[in-house]
Amino acid sequence: MKSLKINIEENFDAEKLKEVLLQIKGIDSIEIIDEENPESELKKAFAKTKEQFKKGDYETLVNDIFDILTKK
């Protein structure tokens, strides 16, 4: 897999750029990384899992784990 890093100005609308780039053939996914406020994907996943356990949303939790394990 190849990737492309784009540095943007602080007040630039990164979501809008993401929308535009996703329309281009051959672009599979885009991840916005804020290096000023780093938070690992694993940390985000654990936070989401914790909330799902609190709510008793076990079906979504299992589906999310399955999606992660089968992701290409």
C-alpha atoms as a PDB file:
ATOM      1  CA  MET A   1       0.000   0.000   0.000  1.00  0.00           C
ATOM      2  CA  LYS A   2       1.214   3.482  -0.810  1.00  0.00           C
ATOM      3  CA  SER A   3       0.199   6.600   1.065  1.00  0.00           C
ATOM      4  CA  LEU A   4       0.321  10.329   0.542  1.00  0.00           C
ATOM      5  CA  LYS A   5       0.938  12.870   3.286  1.00  0.00           C
ATOM      6  CA  ILE A   6      -0.559  16.335   2.865  1.00  0.00           C
ATOM      7  CA  ASN A   7       0.223  19.116   5.327  1.00  0.00           C
ATOM      8  CA  ILE A   8      -2.515  21.712   5.658  1.00  0.00           C
ATOM      9  CA  GLU A   9      -2.877  25.065   7.362  1.00  0.00           C
ATOM     10  CA  GLU A  10      -4.373  25.131  10.838  1.00  0.00           C
ATOM     11  CA  ASN A  11      -7.804  26.513   9.895  1.00  0.00           C
ATOM     12  CA  PHE A  12      -8.168  24.524   6.642  1.00  0.00           C
ATOM     13  CA  ASP A  13     -11.346  22.416   6.202  1.00  0.00           C
ATOM     14  CA  ALA A  14      -9.792  18.936   6.150  1.00  0.00           C
ATOM     15  CA  GLU A  15     -13.183  17.200   5.964  1.00  0.00           C
ATOM     16  CA  LYS A  16     -13.998  19.019   2.731  1.00  0.00           C
ATOM     17  CA  LEU A  17     -10.661  17.961   1.228  1.00  0.00           C
ATOM     18  CA  LYS A  18     -11.377  14.385   2.343  1.00  0.00           C
ATOM     19  CA  GLU A  19     -14.755  14.456   0.541  1.00  0.00           C
ATOM     20  CA  VAL A  20     -13.146  15.684  -2.674  1.00  0.00           C
ATOM     21  CA  LEU A  21     -10.283  13.166  -2.595  1.00  0.00           C
ATOM     22  CA  LEU A  22     -12.595  10.201  -1.945  1.00  0.00           C
ATOM     23  CA  GLN A  23     -14.291  10.905  -5.277  1.00  0.00           C
ATOM     24  CA  ILE A  24     -11.053  10.157  -7.154  1.00  0.00           C
ATOM     25  CA  LYS A  25     -10.802   6.652  -8.622  1.00  0.00           C
ATOM     26  CA  GLY A  26      -8.158   4.565  -6.890  1.00  0.00           C
ATOM     27  CA  ILE A  27      -8.373   6.267  -3.489  1.00  0.00           C
ATOM     28  CA  ASP A  28      -9.447   3.609  -1.020  1.00  0.00           C
ATOM     29  CA  SER A  29      -9.543   5.536   2.244  1.00  0.00           C
ATOM     30  CA  ILE A  30      -8.397   8.746   3.904  1.00  0.00           C
ATOM     31  CA  GLU A  31      -7.406   9.222   7.521  1.00  0.00           C
ATOM     32  CA  ILE A  32      -7.065  12.680   9.035  1.00  0.00           C
ATOM     33  CA  ILE A  33      -4.268  12.764  11.617  1.00  0.00           C
ATOM     34  CA  ASP A  34      -3.916  15.720  13.939  1.00  0.00           C
ATOM     35  CA  GLU A  35      -0.276  15.670  15.025  1.00  0.00           C
ATOM     36  CA  GLU A  36      -0.929  18.499  17.490  1.00  0.00           C
ATOM     37  CA  ASN A  37      -3.483  16.335  19.268  1.00  0.00           C
ATOM     38  CA  PRO A  38      -2.405  12.729  18.653  1.00  0.00           C
ATOM     39  CA  GLU A  39      -4.736   9.952  19.689  1.00  0.00           C
ATOM     40  CA  SER A  40      -4.018   6.467  18.460  1.00  0.00           C
ATOM     41  CA  GLU A  41      -6.677   4.471  16.682  1.00  0.00           C
ATOM     42  CA  LEU A  42      -6.289   1.804  19.346  1.00  0.00           C
ATOM     43  CA  LYS A  43      -7.017   4.340  22.093  1.00  0.00           C
ATOM     44  CA  LYS A  44     -10.135   5.488  20.197  1.00  0.00           C
ATOM     45  CA  ALA A  45     -11.262   1.877  19.771  1.00  0.00           C
ATOM     46  CA  PHE A  46     -10.866   1.166  23.496  1.00  0.00           C
ATOM     47  CA  ALA A  47     -12.844   4.281  24.384  1.00  0.00           C
ATOM     48  CA  LYS A  48     -15.644   3.233  22.019  1.00  0.00           C
ATOM     49  CA  THR A  49     -15.599  -0.321  23.414  1.00  0.00           C
ATOM     50  CA  LYS A  50     -15.831   0.995  26.973  1.00  0.00           C
ATOM     51  CA  GLU A  51     -18.919   3.024  26.063  1.00  0.00           C
ATOM     52  CA  GLN A  52     -20.514   0.032  24.309  1.00  0.00           C
ATOM     53  CA  PHE A  53     -20.003  -2.105  27.433  1.00  0.00           C
ATOM     54  CA  LYS A  54     -21.566   0.597  29.630  1.00  0.00           C
ATOM     55  CA  LYS A  55     -24.621   0.749  27.350  1.00  0.00           C
ATOM     56  CA  GLY A  56     -24.874  -3.046  27.068  1.00  0.00           C
ATOM     57  CA  ASP A  57     -24.494  -2.796  23.301  1.00  0.00           C
ATOM     58  CA  TYR A  58     -22.766  -6.144  22.906  1.00  0.00           C
ATOM     59  CA  GLU A  59     -24.039  -6.860  19.380  1.00  0.00           C
ATOM     60  CA  THR A  60     -22.436  -3.709  17.958  1.00  0.00           C
ATOM     61  CA  LEU A  61     -19.264  -4.427  19.918  1.00  0.00           C
ATOM     62  CA  VAL A  62     -18.976  -7.919  18.415  1.00  0.00           C
ATOM     63  CA  ASN A  63     -19.718  -6.563  14.933  1.00  0.00           C
ATOM     64  CA  ASP A  64     -17.043  -3.864  15.306  1.00  0.00           C
ATOM     65  CA  ILE A  65     -14.451  -6.418  16.426  1.00  0.00           C
ATOM     66  CA  PHE A  66     -15.402  -8.707  13.523  1.00  0.00           C
ATOM     67  CA  ASP A  67     -15.042  -5.788  11.068  1.00  0.00           C
ATOM     68  CA  ILE A  68     -11.578  -4.984  12.423  1.00  0.00           C
ATOM     69  CA  LEU A  69     -10.447  -8.608  12.162  1.00  0.00           C
ATOM     70  CA  THR A  70     -11.731  -9.050   8.606  1.00  0.00           C
ATOM     71  CA  LYS A  71     -10.607  -5.652   7.316  1.00  0.00           C
ATOM     72  CA  LYS A  72      -8.254  -5.858   4.336  1.00  0.00           C
END
